[in-house]
């Protein structure tokens, strides 16, 4: 499934791939992705700094 709605991804995802401007930024199990993002762009996206 592909979504641009963050709350939907949090609710249903088992595994997340984060693409930003056509680049693969980060991927991994959803629980780890949302709880402990590794990339600064992922952190910025999850906090709402970038969209």
C-alpha atoms as a PDB file:
ATOM      1  CA  UNK A   1       0.000   0.000   0.000  1.00  0.00           C
ATOM      2  CA  UNK A   2       1.152   3.538  -0.692  1.00  0.00           C
ATOM      3  CA  UNK A   3      -0.041   6.464   1.395  1.00  0.00           C
ATOM      4  CA  UNK A   4       0.849  10.076   1.965  1.00  0.00           C
ATOM      5  CA  UNK A   5      -1.156  10.141   5.191  1.00  0.00           C
ATOM      6  CA  UNK A   6       1.192   9.689   8.121  1.00  0.00           C
ATOM      7  CA  UNK A   7      -1.458   8.620  10.637  1.00  0.00           C
ATOM      8  CA  UNK A   8      -2.676   5.928   8.246  1.00  0.00           C
ATOM      9  CA  UNK A   9       0.850   4.583   7.833  1.00  0.00           C
ATOM     10  CA  UNK A  10       1.302   4.511  11.628  1.00  0.00           C
ATOM     11  CA  UNK A  11      -1.952   2.622  12.009  1.00  0.00           C
ATOM     12  CA  UNK A  12      -1.573  -0.106   9.378  1.00  0.00           C
ATOM     13  CA  UNK A  13       2.065  -0.473   8.364  1.00  0.00           C
ATOM     14  CA  UNK A  14       4.292  -3.405   9.224  1.00  0.00           C
ATOM     15  CA  UNK A  15       7.211  -2.060   7.198  1.00  0.00           C
ATOM     16  CA  UNK A  16       7.834   1.504   6.020  1.00  0.00           C
ATOM     17  CA  UNK A  17       9.813   2.910   3.107  1.00  0.00           C
ATOM     18  CA  UNK A  18      10.307   6.684   3.190  1.00  0.00           C
ATOM     19  CA  UNK A  19      10.943   8.283  -0.197  1.00  0.00           C
ATOM     20  CA  UNK A  20      11.670  12.004  -0.381  1.00  0.00           C
ATOM     21  CA  UNK A  21      12.018  13.813  -3.695  1.00  0.00           C
ATOM     22  CA  UNK A  22      12.515  10.475  -5.439  1.00  0.00           C
ATOM     23  CA  UNK A  23      15.269   9.298  -3.091  1.00  0.00           C
ATOM     24  CA  UNK A  24      15.057   6.343  -0.736  1.00  0.00           C
ATOM     25  CA  UNK A  25      15.790   7.971   2.605  1.00  0.00           C
ATOM     26  CA  UNK A  26      15.000   5.275   5.174  1.00  0.00           C
ATOM     27  CA  UNK A  27      13.235   1.941   5.495  1.00  0.00           C
ATOM     28  CA  UNK A  28      12.543  -0.610   8.167  1.00  0.00           C
ATOM     29  CA  UNK A  29       9.959  -2.157  10.452  1.00  0.00           C
ATOM     30  CA  UNK A  30       7.210   0.356  11.227  1.00  0.00           C
ATOM     31  CA  UNK A  31       7.666   0.266  14.996  1.00  0.00           C
ATOM     32  CA  UNK A  32      11.370   1.067  14.685  1.00  0.00           C
ATOM     33  CA  UNK A  33      10.843   3.597  11.902  1.00  0.00           C
ATOM     34  CA  UNK A  34       8.355   5.673  13.895  1.00  0.00           C
ATOM     35  CA  UNK A  35       9.986   5.270  17.319  1.00  0.00           C
ATOM     36  CA  UNK A  36      13.621   5.748  16.366  1.00  0.00           C
ATOM     37  CA  UNK A  37      14.184   7.299  12.934  1.00  0.00           C
ATOM     38  CA  UNK A  38      17.852   7.345  11.931  1.00  0.00           C
ATOM     39  CA  UNK A  39      17.938   9.934   9.148  1.00  0.00           C
ATOM     40  CA  UNK A  40      17.555  13.670   9.925  1.00  0.00           C
ATOM     41  CA  UNK A  41      15.117  14.039   7.010  1.00  0.00           C
ATOM     42  CA  UNK A  42      12.950  11.262   8.418  1.00  0.00           C
ATOM     43  CA  UNK A  43      12.936  12.969  11.813  1.00  0.00           C
ATOM     44  CA  UNK A  44      12.002  16.268  10.160  1.00  0.00           C
ATOM     45  CA  UNK A  45       9.157  14.643   8.219  1.00  0.00           C
ATOM     46  CA  UNK A  46       7.764  12.860  11.264  1.00  0.00           C
ATOM     47  CA  UNK A  47       7.867  16.054  13.326  1.00  0.00           C
ATOM     48  CA  UNK A  48       6.109  18.045  10.578  1.00  0.00           C
ATOM     49  CA  UNK A  49       9.079  20.274   9.730  1.00  0.00           C
ATOM     50  CA  UNK A  50       8.972  19.097   6.099  1.00  0.00           C
ATOM     51  CA  UNK A  51       6.120  17.660   4.091  1.00  0.00           C
END
